[in-house]
Amino acid sequence: MGGQRRFCDRLAAIGYICEHRSERAVDAALHEFDALRALMVARMQMQLTLLAGTLTAIGVIAGLALQRGGDRDLLLLIPPLASVVAIMHTEHERRITMYGRYLNDVLWPYITKLIDQQLPSWQVYWTANHRPALIRFVRTQVAWFLQLISIAALIARAGVATSSDGYVVMWWIGVVATIAVFIFIRSAGFDEPSNLSDVKRLDG
């Protein structure tokens, strides 16, 4: 009941009237809402940490490889590293997207039904007013950026692909890893449209 009353107090502050009914259902829904939001924030923080560490590592490798007298074959370490991180980052983004769709398409409309009030939702509004292609790009832009770095490193060392030393293996590993990331991004489910039927319902 305390969870519902706190939620109702917040609604009252912005002009909505909340009747104290279905207390357990509202409280359970709000607990799930808070838990999923916390998971989303935690994954976002992991994304930032992962990306910061990766860019630092890539910078160090590139610096060592491109300095005067440096071993440029060190650039072949970048594609596998960037590809693994791109997949991990995309998986975090896929999970965040799934949580967001559930909150916006299922849980938030359920809460509004319980309190018998039409509540605004920024995420639903943003999704409804942006093209799917733009939304997909926003969710995958980091992975694409890392892949551009991988491709640049592969092009810079393309000559080793026809050599007989061990670097040819690393070059082809980089190529395969880069292709695998493209496939993973395409199969991550970002092309699936969110259920926007609740947008129409909330808009009346």
N, C-alpha and C. Protein backbone atom coordinates (compact mmCIF):
# COMPACT_ATOMS: atom_id res chain seq x y z
N MET A 1 0.83 -1.20 0.00
CA MET A 1 0.00 0.00 0.00
C MET A 1 0.87 1.26 0.00
N GLY A 2 2.02 1.15 0.73
CA GLY A 2 2.91 2.30 0.76
C GLY A 2 3.43 2.66 -0.61
N GLY A 3 3.73 1.60 -1.44
CA GLY A 3 4.22 1.87 -2.79
C GLY A 3 3.19 2.58 -3.62
N GLN A 4 1.93 2.16 -3.51
CA GLN A 4 0.88 2.81 -4.29
C GLN A 4 0.67 4.24 -3.82
N ARG A 5 0.69 4.45 -2.49
CA ARG A 5 0.46 5.80 -1.98
C ARG A 5 1.58 6.75 -2.43
N ARG A 6 2.82 6.26 -2.40
CA ARG A 6 3.91 7.11 -2.87
C ARG A 6 3.73 7.44 -4.34
N PHE A 7 3.30 6.44 -5.12
CA PHE A 7 3.07 6.66 -6.55
C PHE A 7 1.91 7.64 -6.74
N CYS A 8 0.86 7.48 -5.97
CA CYS A 8 -0.29 8.37 -6.07
C CYS A 8 0.08 9.79 -5.65
N ASP A 9 0.96 9.92 -4.66
CA ASP A 9 1.40 11.25 -4.26
C ASP A 9 2.16 11.93 -5.39
N ARG A 10 2.98 11.16 -6.12
CA ARG A 10 3.71 11.74 -7.24
C ARG A 10 2.74 12.16 -8.35
N LEU A 11 1.70 11.34 -8.56
CA LEU A 11 0.71 11.69 -9.58
C LEU A 11 -0.06 12.95 -9.18
N ALA A 12 -0.39 13.04 -7.90
CA ALA A 12 -1.15 14.20 -7.42
C ALA A 12 -0.36 15.49 -7.63
N ALA A 13 0.96 15.40 -7.53
CA ALA A 13 1.81 16.58 -7.69
C ALA A 13 1.76 17.14 -9.10
N ILE A 14 1.40 16.29 -10.07
CA ILE A 14 1.32 16.78 -11.46
C ILE A 14 -0.13 16.82 -11.95
N GLY A 15 -1.08 16.75 -11.02
CA GLY A 15 -2.46 17.00 -11.38
C GLY A 15 -3.32 15.79 -11.64
N TYR A 16 -2.83 14.57 -11.35
CA TYR A 16 -3.64 13.38 -11.57
C TYR A 16 -4.27 12.92 -10.26
N ILE A 17 -5.43 12.32 -10.39
CA ILE A 17 -6.15 11.81 -9.22
C ILE A 17 -6.03 10.29 -9.22
N CYS A 18 -5.60 9.76 -8.10
CA CYS A 18 -5.40 8.31 -8.00
C CYS A 18 -6.28 7.75 -6.88
N GLU A 19 -7.17 6.87 -7.23
CA GLU A 19 -8.00 6.22 -6.22
C GLU A 19 -7.23 5.05 -5.62
N HIS A 20 -7.31 4.92 -4.31
CA HIS A 20 -6.57 3.87 -3.61
C HIS A 20 -7.35 2.54 -3.70
N ARG A 21 -7.11 1.86 -4.79
CA ARG A 21 -7.75 0.57 -4.98
C ARG A 21 -6.76 -0.34 -5.69
N SER A 22 -7.08 -1.61 -5.71
CA SER A 22 -6.18 -2.61 -6.29
C SER A 22 -4.76 -2.40 -5.76
N GLU A 23 -4.67 -2.24 -4.44
CA GLU A 23 -3.40 -1.82 -3.84
C GLU A 23 -2.29 -2.83 -4.09
N ARG A 24 -2.56 -4.11 -3.91
CA ARG A 24 -1.52 -5.11 -4.08
C ARG A 24 -1.06 -5.19 -5.53
N ALA A 25 -2.00 -5.09 -6.46
CA ALA A 25 -1.64 -5.16 -7.88
C ALA A 25 -0.77 -3.98 -8.28
N VAL A 26 -1.16 -2.79 -7.83
CA VAL A 26 -0.37 -1.60 -8.16
C VAL A 26 1.01 -1.69 -7.53
N ASP A 27 1.07 -2.12 -6.27
CA ASP A 27 2.35 -2.21 -5.58
C ASP A 27 3.27 -3.22 -6.28
N ALA A 28 2.72 -4.37 -6.68
CA ALA A 28 3.52 -5.38 -7.37
C ALA A 28 4.01 -4.86 -8.72
N ALA A 29 3.12 -4.18 -9.44
CA ALA A 29 3.50 -3.63 -10.75
C ALA A 29 4.59 -2.59 -10.62
N LEU A 30 4.49 -1.74 -9.60
CA LEU A 30 5.50 -0.70 -9.40
C LEU A 30 6.84 -1.30 -8.98
N HIS A 31 6.80 -2.36 -8.18
CA HIS A 31 8.04 -3.03 -7.80
C HIS A 31 8.72 -3.61 -9.05
N GLU A 32 7.94 -4.22 -9.92
CA GLU A 32 8.52 -4.77 -11.15
C GLU A 32 9.05 -3.66 -12.04
N PHE A 33 8.31 -2.56 -12.13
CA PHE A 33 8.74 -1.42 -12.91
C PHE A 33 10.10 -0.91 -12.41
N ASP A 34 10.22 -0.72 -11.09
CA ASP A 34 11.47 -0.23 -10.51
C ASP A 34 12.61 -1.22 -10.72
N ALA A 35 12.30 -2.53 -10.59
CA ALA A 35 13.34 -3.55 -10.76
C ALA A 35 13.87 -3.57 -12.19
N LEU A 36 12.97 -3.49 -13.15
CA LEU A 36 13.40 -3.51 -14.55
C LEU A 36 14.15 -2.23 -14.92
N ARG A 37 13.70 -1.11 -14.39
CA ARG A 37 14.43 0.14 -14.63
C ARG A 37 15.84 0.05 -14.05
N ALA A 38 15.97 -0.57 -12.88
CA ALA A 38 17.29 -0.72 -12.27
C ALA A 38 18.18 -1.62 -13.13
N LEU A 39 17.61 -2.68 -13.70
CA LEU A 39 18.37 -3.55 -14.59
C LEU A 39 18.82 -2.80 -15.83
N MET A 40 17.96 -1.96 -16.37
CA MET A 40 18.31 -1.17 -17.54
C MET A 40 19.48 -0.22 -17.24
N VAL A 41 19.39 0.45 -16.09
CA VAL A 41 20.45 1.38 -15.71
C VAL A 41 21.77 0.64 -15.49
N ALA A 42 21.69 -0.53 -14.86
CA ALA A 42 22.90 -1.31 -14.60
C ALA A 42 23.56 -1.74 -15.91
N ARG A 43 22.76 -2.17 -16.88
CA ARG A 43 23.32 -2.57 -18.17
C ARG A 43 23.89 -1.37 -18.92
N MET A 44 23.26 -0.22 -18.81
CA MET A 44 23.80 0.99 -19.43
C MET A 44 25.17 1.34 -18.84
N GLN A 45 25.29 1.20 -17.52
CA GLN A 45 26.57 1.49 -16.87
C GLN A 45 27.63 0.49 -17.32
N MET A 46 27.25 -0.79 -17.46
CA MET A 46 28.20 -1.79 -17.94
C MET A 46 28.62 -1.49 -19.37
N GLN A 47 27.69 -1.01 -20.19
CA GLN A 47 28.02 -0.61 -21.56
C GLN A 47 29.08 0.49 -21.57
N LEU A 48 28.89 1.50 -20.74
CA LEU A 48 29.83 2.62 -20.69
C LEU A 48 31.21 2.16 -20.23
N THR A 49 31.23 1.30 -19.20
CA THR A 49 32.51 0.79 -18.70
C THR A 49 33.21 -0.05 -19.75
N LEU A 50 32.44 -0.91 -20.42
CA LEU A 50 33.00 -1.77 -21.46
C LEU A 50 33.56 -0.94 -22.61
N LEU A 51 32.80 0.06 -23.04
CA LEU A 51 33.23 0.88 -24.16
C LEU A 51 34.46 1.70 -23.81
N ALA A 52 34.48 2.27 -22.61
CA ALA A 52 35.63 3.07 -22.20
C ALA A 52 36.90 2.23 -22.15
N GLY A 53 36.80 1.04 -21.58
CA GLY A 53 37.96 0.15 -21.52
C GLY A 53 38.44 -0.28 -22.90
N THR A 54 37.48 -0.54 -23.78
CA THR A 54 37.84 -0.97 -25.14
C THR A 54 38.52 0.13 -25.92
N LEU A 55 37.97 1.33 -25.88
CA LEU A 55 38.58 2.45 -26.60
C LEU A 55 39.97 2.76 -26.07
N THR A 56 40.16 2.60 -24.76
CA THR A 56 41.50 2.80 -24.18
C THR A 56 42.47 1.76 -24.72
N ALA A 57 42.03 0.49 -24.75
CA ALA A 57 42.89 -0.58 -25.24
C ALA A 57 43.23 -0.39 -26.72
N ILE A 58 42.21 -0.01 -27.51
CA ILE A 58 42.45 0.23 -28.93
C ILE A 58 43.42 1.39 -29.13
N GLY A 59 43.27 2.43 -28.33
CA GLY A 59 44.18 3.56 -28.42
C GLY A 59 45.62 3.17 -28.11
N VAL A 60 45.79 2.33 -27.08
CA VAL A 60 47.13 1.88 -26.72
C VAL A 60 47.74 1.04 -27.84
N ILE A 61 46.95 0.09 -28.37
CA ILE A 61 47.44 -0.78 -29.45
C ILE A 61 47.82 0.04 -30.68
N ALA A 62 46.92 0.96 -31.06
CA ALA A 62 47.19 1.79 -32.23
C ALA A 62 48.42 2.66 -32.02
N GLY A 63 48.58 3.19 -30.80
CA GLY A 63 49.74 4.02 -30.51
C GLY A 63 51.04 3.25 -30.63
N LEU A 64 51.06 2.03 -30.09
CA LEU A 64 52.26 1.20 -30.19
C LEU A 64 52.55 0.79 -31.63
N ALA A 65 51.49 0.54 -32.39
CA ALA A 65 51.67 0.06 -33.76
C ALA A 65 52.10 1.16 -34.71
N LEU A 66 51.60 2.37 -34.50
CA LEU A 66 51.83 3.45 -35.45
C LEU A 66 52.99 4.37 -35.08
N GLN A 67 53.56 4.17 -33.92
CA GLN A 67 54.71 4.99 -33.56
C GLN A 67 55.91 4.63 -34.43
N ARG A 68 56.87 5.52 -34.49
CA ARG A 68 58.05 5.27 -35.32
C ARG A 68 58.77 4.02 -34.82
N GLY A 69 58.97 3.08 -35.73
CA GLY A 69 59.62 1.83 -35.37
C GLY A 69 58.67 0.82 -34.75
N GLY A 70 57.38 1.15 -34.69
CA GLY A 70 56.41 0.23 -34.10
C GLY A 70 56.06 -0.93 -35.01
N ASP A 71 55.50 -1.97 -34.43
CA ASP A 71 55.09 -3.16 -35.19
C ASP A 71 53.64 -2.97 -35.62
N ARG A 72 53.42 -2.68 -36.89
CA ARG A 72 52.06 -2.41 -37.38
C ARG A 72 51.18 -3.65 -37.40
N ASP A 73 51.80 -4.80 -37.31
CA ASP A 73 50.99 -6.01 -37.25
C ASP A 73 50.21 -6.11 -35.94
N LEU A 74 50.55 -5.26 -34.96
CA LEU A 74 49.76 -5.21 -33.73
C LEU A 74 48.33 -4.77 -34.00
N LEU A 75 48.13 -4.07 -35.13
CA LEU A 75 46.77 -3.65 -35.50
C LEU A 75 45.83 -4.83 -35.68
N LEU A 76 46.40 -6.01 -35.94
CA LEU A 76 45.57 -7.20 -36.13
C LEU A 76 44.90 -7.66 -34.83
N LEU A 77 45.34 -7.09 -33.70
CA LEU A 77 44.68 -7.41 -32.43
C LEU A 77 43.36 -6.66 -32.28
N ILE A 78 43.21 -5.58 -33.04
CA ILE A 78 42.03 -4.73 -32.87
C ILE A 78 40.74 -5.39 -33.36
N PRO A 79 40.69 -6.00 -34.57
CA PRO A 79 39.41 -6.56 -35.03
C PRO A 79 38.79 -7.60 -34.10
N PRO A 80 39.55 -8.60 -33.60
CA PRO A 80 38.92 -9.55 -32.67
C PRO A 80 38.41 -8.87 -31.39
N LEU A 81 39.23 -7.96 -30.85
CA LEU A 81 38.83 -7.25 -29.63
C LEU A 81 37.57 -6.42 -29.87
N ALA A 82 37.58 -5.62 -30.94
CA ALA A 82 36.43 -4.76 -31.23
C ALA A 82 35.18 -5.59 -31.52
N SER A 83 35.35 -6.72 -32.18
CA SER A 83 34.20 -7.56 -32.53
C SER A 83 33.55 -8.18 -31.30
N VAL A 84 34.39 -8.68 -30.39
CA VAL A 84 33.85 -9.26 -29.15
C VAL A 84 33.09 -8.20 -28.35
N VAL A 85 33.68 -7.03 -28.23
CA VAL A 85 33.03 -5.96 -27.47
C VAL A 85 31.76 -5.48 -28.16
N ALA A 86 31.79 -5.43 -29.51
CA ALA A 86 30.59 -5.02 -30.25
C ALA A 86 29.44 -5.98 -29.99
N ILE A 87 29.73 -7.28 -29.96
CA ILE A 87 28.68 -8.27 -29.68
C ILE A 87 28.17 -8.12 -28.25
N MET A 88 29.08 -7.94 -27.30
CA MET A 88 28.67 -7.77 -25.89
C MET A 88 27.83 -6.50 -25.72
N HIS A 89 28.26 -5.41 -26.35
CA HIS A 89 27.53 -4.15 -26.26
C HIS A 89 26.14 -4.28 -26.88
N THR A 90 26.08 -4.94 -28.04
CA THR A 90 24.79 -5.13 -28.71
C THR A 90 23.85 -6.01 -27.90
N GLU A 91 24.40 -7.03 -27.23
CA GLU A 91 23.57 -7.88 -26.38
C GLU A 91 23.00 -7.09 -25.21
N HIS A 92 23.82 -6.24 -24.61
CA HIS A 92 23.31 -5.36 -23.55
C HIS A 92 22.18 -4.49 -24.11
N GLU A 93 22.38 -3.92 -25.29
CA GLU A 93 21.37 -3.05 -25.89
C GLU A 93 20.11 -3.82 -26.22
N ARG A 94 20.26 -5.06 -26.65
CA ARG A 94 19.09 -5.89 -26.96
C ARG A 94 18.26 -6.14 -25.70
N ARG A 95 18.96 -6.43 -24.59
CA ARG A 95 18.26 -6.65 -23.33
C ARG A 95 17.56 -5.38 -22.85
N ILE A 96 18.26 -4.25 -22.95
CA ILE A 96 17.67 -2.98 -22.55
C ILE A 96 16.43 -2.69 -23.38
N THR A 97 16.51 -2.98 -24.69
CA THR A 97 15.36 -2.76 -25.57
C THR A 97 14.19 -3.65 -25.18
N MET A 98 14.48 -4.91 -24.84
CA MET A 98 13.42 -5.83 -24.42
C MET A 98 12.75 -5.34 -23.14
N TYR A 99 13.55 -4.91 -22.17
CA TYR A 99 12.99 -4.38 -20.93
C TYR A 99 12.11 -3.16 -21.23
N GLY A 100 12.62 -2.27 -22.07
CA GLY A 100 11.87 -1.06 -22.39
C GLY A 100 10.56 -1.35 -23.09
N ARG A 101 10.58 -2.30 -24.02
CA ARG A 101 9.33 -2.65 -24.71
C ARG A 101 8.30 -3.23 -23.75
N TYR A 102 8.77 -4.06 -22.82
CA TYR A 102 7.84 -4.63 -21.85
C TYR A 102 7.25 -3.54 -20.96
N LEU A 103 8.11 -2.63 -20.49
CA LEU A 103 7.62 -1.54 -19.64
C LEU A 103 6.60 -0.68 -20.37
N ASN A 104 6.90 -0.35 -21.63
CA ASN A 104 6.05 0.58 -22.36
C ASN A 104 4.80 -0.06 -22.95
N ASP A 105 4.93 -1.30 -23.41
CA ASP A 105 3.83 -1.94 -24.11
C ASP A 105 2.93 -2.79 -23.22
N VAL A 106 3.45 -3.20 -22.05
CA VAL A 106 2.69 -4.10 -21.18
C VAL A 106 2.48 -3.48 -19.79
N LEU A 107 3.57 -3.20 -19.10
CA LEU A 107 3.44 -2.83 -17.69
C LEU A 107 2.86 -1.43 -17.49
N TRP A 108 3.35 -0.45 -18.25
CA TRP A 108 2.85 0.92 -18.07
C TRP A 108 1.36 1.03 -18.40
N PRO A 109 0.88 0.45 -19.51
CA PRO A 109 -0.58 0.46 -19.75
C PRO A 109 -1.36 -0.26 -18.65
N TYR A 110 -0.77 -1.33 -18.09
CA TYR A 110 -1.43 -2.06 -17.01
C TYR A 110 -1.59 -1.18 -15.78
N ILE A 111 -0.53 -0.41 -15.46
CA ILE A 111 -0.61 0.49 -14.31
C ILE A 111 -1.66 1.58 -14.54
N THR A 112 -1.67 2.14 -15.74
CA THR A 112 -2.65 3.19 -16.04
C THR A 112 -4.08 2.64 -15.96
N LYS A 113 -4.25 1.39 -16.31
CA LYS A 113 -5.57 0.78 -16.21
C LYS A 113 -5.97 0.59 -14.75
N LEU A 114 -5.02 0.19 -13.93
CA LEU A 114 -5.32 -0.04 -12.52
C LEU A 114 -5.73 1.25 -11.81
N ILE A 115 -5.06 2.34 -12.12
CA ILE A 115 -5.38 3.60 -11.44
C ILE A 115 -6.42 4.41 -12.22
N ASP A 116 -6.84 3.86 -13.37
CA ASP A 116 -7.90 4.50 -14.17
C ASP A 116 -7.51 5.93 -14.56
N GLN A 117 -6.24 6.09 -14.96
CA GLN A 117 -5.75 7.39 -15.41
C GLN A 117 -4.89 7.18 -16.66
N GLN A 118 -4.94 8.12 -17.58
CA GLN A 118 -4.09 8.09 -18.75
C GLN A 118 -2.81 8.85 -18.45
N LEU A 119 -1.70 8.11 -18.38
CA LEU A 119 -0.42 8.72 -18.02
C LEU A 119 0.48 8.83 -19.25
N PRO A 120 1.23 9.91 -19.37
CA PRO A 120 2.17 10.05 -20.49
C PRO A 120 3.37 9.13 -20.32
N SER A 121 3.99 8.76 -21.42
CA SER A 121 5.20 7.94 -21.39
C SER A 121 6.17 8.50 -22.42
N TRP A 122 7.33 8.96 -21.96
CA TRP A 122 8.31 9.54 -22.86
C TRP A 122 8.80 8.51 -23.88
N GLN A 123 9.06 7.27 -23.43
CA GLN A 123 9.59 6.27 -24.34
C GLN A 123 8.59 5.92 -25.43
N VAL A 124 7.34 5.78 -25.06
CA VAL A 124 6.31 5.51 -26.06
C VAL A 124 6.21 6.66 -27.05
N TYR A 125 6.25 7.89 -26.52
CA TYR A 125 6.17 9.07 -27.39
C TYR A 125 7.37 9.12 -28.33
N TRP A 126 8.57 8.88 -27.79
CA TRP A 126 9.79 8.95 -28.61
C TRP A 126 9.76 7.90 -29.72
N THR A 127 9.34 6.68 -29.35
CA THR A 127 9.29 5.59 -30.32
C THR A 127 8.26 5.88 -31.41
N ALA A 128 7.13 6.45 -31.02
CA ALA A 128 6.07 6.71 -31.98
C ALA A 128 6.41 7.84 -32.93
N ASN A 129 7.34 8.70 -32.56
CA ASN A 129 7.65 9.88 -33.36
C ASN A 129 9.02 9.82 -34.03
N HIS A 130 9.61 8.64 -34.09
CA HIS A 130 10.88 8.46 -34.79
C HIS A 130 10.79 7.25 -35.71
N ARG A 131 11.44 7.35 -36.82
CA ARG A 131 11.41 6.26 -37.79
C ARG A 131 12.14 5.03 -37.24
N PRO A 132 11.65 3.84 -37.56
CA PRO A 132 12.32 2.61 -37.09
C PRO A 132 13.78 2.56 -37.48
N ALA A 133 14.13 3.05 -38.67
CA ALA A 133 15.53 3.02 -39.10
C ALA A 133 16.41 3.85 -38.19
N LEU A 134 15.91 5.01 -37.74
CA LEU A 134 16.68 5.85 -36.83
C LEU A 134 16.83 5.19 -35.48
N ILE A 135 15.75 4.60 -34.98
CA ILE A 135 15.81 3.91 -33.69
C ILE A 135 16.80 2.77 -33.74
N ARG A 136 16.77 2.01 -34.83
CA ARG A 136 17.70 0.89 -34.99
C ARG A 136 19.15 1.38 -35.02
N PHE A 137 19.39 2.51 -35.70
CA PHE A 137 20.75 3.05 -35.77
C PHE A 137 21.22 3.50 -34.40
N VAL A 138 20.35 4.17 -33.64
CA VAL A 138 20.73 4.63 -32.31
C VAL A 138 21.12 3.46 -31.42
N ARG A 139 20.40 2.36 -31.54
CA ARG A 139 20.67 1.20 -30.69
C ARG A 139 21.91 0.42 -31.10
N THR A 140 22.36 0.58 -32.34
CA THR A 140 23.49 -0.21 -32.82
C THR A 140 24.68 0.66 -33.24
N GLN A 141 24.64 1.95 -32.99
CA GLN A 141 25.68 2.83 -33.50
C GLN A 141 27.06 2.52 -32.92
N VAL A 142 27.12 2.12 -31.65
CA VAL A 142 28.42 1.79 -31.06
C VAL A 142 29.02 0.57 -31.74
N ALA A 143 28.19 -0.45 -31.99
CA ALA A 143 28.70 -1.65 -32.66
C ALA A 143 29.20 -1.33 -34.06
N TRP A 144 28.47 -0.48 -34.79
CA TRP A 144 28.91 -0.09 -36.13
C TRP A 144 30.22 0.69 -36.06
N PHE A 145 30.35 1.56 -35.07
CA PHE A 145 31.58 2.34 -34.92
C PHE A 145 32.77 1.43 -34.68
N LEU A 146 32.60 0.44 -33.79
CA LEU A 146 33.68 -0.50 -33.52
C LEU A 146 34.03 -1.31 -34.76
N GLN A 147 33.03 -1.62 -35.56
CA GLN A 147 33.30 -2.39 -36.77
C GLN A 147 34.03 -1.55 -37.81
N LEU A 148 33.77 -0.27 -37.86
CA LEU A 148 34.52 0.60 -38.76
C LEU A 148 36.00 0.63 -38.36
N ILE A 149 36.26 0.63 -37.05
CA ILE A 149 37.64 0.56 -36.57
C ILE A 149 38.28 -0.76 -36.99
N SER A 150 37.52 -1.84 -36.88
CA SER A 150 38.03 -3.16 -37.27
C SER A 150 38.37 -3.19 -38.76
N ILE A 151 37.46 -2.67 -39.57
CA ILE A 151 37.68 -2.67 -41.01
C ILE A 151 38.91 -1.83 -41.37
N ALA A 152 39.08 -0.69 -40.70
CA ALA A 152 40.24 0.15 -40.95
C ALA A 152 41.54 -0.60 -40.62
N ALA A 153 41.53 -1.33 -39.51
CA ALA A 153 42.72 -2.09 -39.13
C ALA A 153 43.00 -3.21 -40.12
N LEU A 154 41.95 -3.87 -40.60
CA LEU A 154 42.12 -4.95 -41.58
C LEU A 154 42.66 -4.41 -42.90
N ILE A 155 42.14 -3.26 -43.33
CA ILE A 155 42.62 -2.66 -44.58
C ILE A 155 44.09 -2.25 -44.45
N ALA A 156 44.44 -1.71 -43.27
CA ALA A 156 45.81 -1.26 -43.05
C ALA A 156 46.81 -2.41 -43.12
N ARG A 157 46.36 -3.60 -42.76
CA ARG A 157 47.26 -4.76 -42.78
C ARG A 157 46.81 -5.79 -43.80
N ALA A 158 46.15 -5.38 -44.86
CA ALA A 158 45.65 -6.32 -45.87
C ALA A 158 46.77 -7.09 -46.53
N GLY A 159 47.96 -6.52 -46.56
CA GLY A 159 49.07 -7.20 -47.21
C GLY A 159 49.45 -8.52 -46.58
N VAL A 160 49.19 -8.69 -45.27
CA VAL A 160 49.58 -9.94 -44.61
C VAL A 160 48.66 -11.08 -44.98
N ALA A 161 47.53 -10.78 -45.63
CA ALA A 161 46.58 -11.84 -45.99
C ALA A 161 47.16 -12.79 -47.01
N THR A 162 48.16 -12.36 -47.77
CA THR A 162 48.78 -13.22 -48.78
C THR A 162 50.18 -13.64 -48.38
N SER A 163 50.60 -13.32 -47.17
CA SER A 163 51.93 -13.71 -46.72
C SER A 163 51.90 -15.12 -46.15
N SER A 164 53.07 -15.61 -45.86
CA SER A 164 53.17 -16.99 -45.37
C SER A 164 53.42 -17.07 -43.88
N ASP A 165 53.50 -15.92 -43.22
CA ASP A 165 53.76 -15.97 -41.78
C ASP A 165 52.47 -16.14 -41.00
N GLY A 166 52.60 -16.19 -39.67
CA GLY A 166 51.45 -16.47 -38.83
C GLY A 166 50.44 -15.36 -38.77
N TYR A 167 50.79 -14.16 -39.23
CA TYR A 167 49.86 -13.05 -39.16
C TYR A 167 48.67 -13.24 -40.09
N VAL A 168 48.82 -14.07 -41.10
CA VAL A 168 47.69 -14.29 -42.01
C VAL A 168 46.50 -14.89 -41.26
N VAL A 169 46.81 -15.73 -40.28
CA VAL A 169 45.74 -16.34 -39.47
C VAL A 169 44.99 -15.25 -38.69
N MET A 170 45.75 -14.35 -38.08
CA MET A 170 45.13 -13.27 -37.32
C MET A 170 44.28 -12.38 -38.23
N TRP A 171 44.75 -12.15 -39.45
CA TRP A 171 43.99 -11.30 -40.37
C TRP A 171 42.65 -11.92 -40.71
N TRP A 172 42.67 -13.22 -41.00
CA TRP A 172 41.42 -13.88 -41.35
C TRP A 172 40.51 -14.06 -40.14
N ILE A 173 41.08 -14.21 -38.96
CA ILE A 173 40.26 -14.24 -37.75
C ILE A 173 39.53 -12.91 -37.60
N GLY A 174 40.22 -11.82 -37.88
CA GLY A 174 39.60 -10.51 -37.83
C GLY A 174 38.48 -10.37 -38.84
N VAL A 175 38.68 -10.89 -40.04
CA VAL A 175 37.65 -10.83 -41.07
C VAL A 175 36.41 -11.61 -40.64
N VAL A 176 36.61 -12.83 -40.16
CA VAL A 176 35.49 -13.67 -39.72
C VAL A 176 34.75 -13.03 -38.55
N ALA A 177 35.52 -12.48 -37.60
CA ALA A 177 34.90 -11.84 -36.43
C ALA A 177 34.06 -10.64 -36.85
N THR A 178 34.57 -9.87 -37.81
CA THR A 178 33.83 -8.69 -38.28
C THR A 178 32.53 -9.10 -38.96
N ILE A 179 32.59 -10.12 -39.79
CA ILE A 179 31.38 -10.62 -40.46
C ILE A 179 30.38 -11.15 -39.43
N ALA A 180 30.89 -11.84 -38.41
CA ALA A 180 30.02 -12.39 -37.36
C ALA A 180 29.25 -11.29 -36.64
N VAL A 181 29.90 -10.16 -36.43
CA VAL A 181 29.22 -9.04 -35.76
C VAL A 181 28.09 -8.49 -36.63
N PHE A 182 28.34 -8.35 -37.93
CA PHE A 182 27.28 -7.89 -38.84
C PHE A 182 26.07 -8.82 -38.77
N ILE A 183 26.32 -10.12 -38.77
CA ILE A 183 25.23 -11.10 -38.70
C ILE A 183 24.50 -10.99 -37.37
N PHE A 184 25.25 -10.84 -36.29
CA PHE A 184 24.65 -10.75 -34.96
C PHE A 184 23.76 -9.53 -34.84
N ILE A 185 24.24 -8.39 -35.35
CA ILE A 185 23.44 -7.17 -35.27
C ILE A 185 22.13 -7.33 -36.03
N ARG A 186 22.22 -7.94 -37.21
CA ARG A 186 21.02 -8.12 -38.03
C ARG A 186 20.02 -9.08 -37.38
N SER A 187 20.51 -9.99 -36.55
CA SER A 187 19.62 -10.97 -35.92
C SER A 187 19.24 -10.62 -34.50
N ALA A 188 19.64 -9.42 -34.05
CA ALA A 188 19.43 -9.05 -32.65
C ALA A 188 17.99 -8.65 -32.34
N GLY A 189 17.14 -8.49 -33.35
CA GLY A 189 15.74 -8.18 -33.10
C GLY A 189 15.41 -6.72 -33.08
N PHE A 190 16.35 -5.84 -33.48
CA PHE A 190 16.07 -4.41 -33.46
C PHE A 190 15.13 -4.01 -34.58
N ASP A 191 14.95 -4.88 -35.59
CA ASP A 191 14.04 -4.57 -36.69
C ASP A 191 12.59 -4.84 -36.32
N GLU A 192 12.38 -5.57 -35.22
CA GLU A 192 11.01 -5.90 -34.83
C GLU A 192 10.33 -4.66 -34.26
N PRO A 193 9.19 -4.27 -34.81
CA PRO A 193 8.53 -3.05 -34.32
C PRO A 193 7.96 -3.26 -32.93
N SER A 194 8.00 -2.20 -32.15
CA SER A 194 7.37 -2.23 -30.84
C SER A 194 5.86 -2.18 -31.01
N ASN A 195 5.14 -2.77 -30.05
CA ASN A 195 3.68 -2.75 -30.11
C ASN A 195 3.18 -1.36 -29.75
N LEU A 196 2.69 -0.64 -30.74
CA LEU A 196 2.27 0.74 -30.51
C LEU A 196 0.76 0.87 -30.36
N SER A 197 0.08 -0.24 -30.16
CA SER A 197 -1.36 -0.16 -30.00
C SER A 197 -1.73 0.64 -28.75
N ASP A 198 -0.85 0.58 -27.72
CA ASP A 198 -1.12 1.32 -26.49
C ASP A 198 -0.98 2.81 -26.68
N VAL A 199 -0.18 3.23 -27.67
CA VAL A 199 -0.07 4.65 -27.96
C VAL A 199 -1.43 5.19 -28.40
N LYS A 200 -2.09 4.47 -29.30
CA LYS A 200 -3.40 4.87 -29.77
C LYS A 200 -4.42 4.87 -28.61
N ARG A 201 -4.30 3.85 -27.76
CA ARG A 201 -5.25 3.77 -26.65
C ARG A 201 -5.08 4.94 -25.69
N LEU A 202 -3.81 5.26 -25.37
CA LEU A 202 -3.56 6.34 -24.43
C LEU A 202 -3.92 7.70 -25.02
N ASP A 203 -3.80 7.79 -26.36
CA ASP A 203 -4.15 9.04 -26.99
C ASP A 203 -5.66 9.19 -27.17
N GLY A 204 -6.38 8.14 -26.83
CA GLY A 204 -7.84 8.20 -26.93
C GLY A 204 -8.32 7.84 -28.29
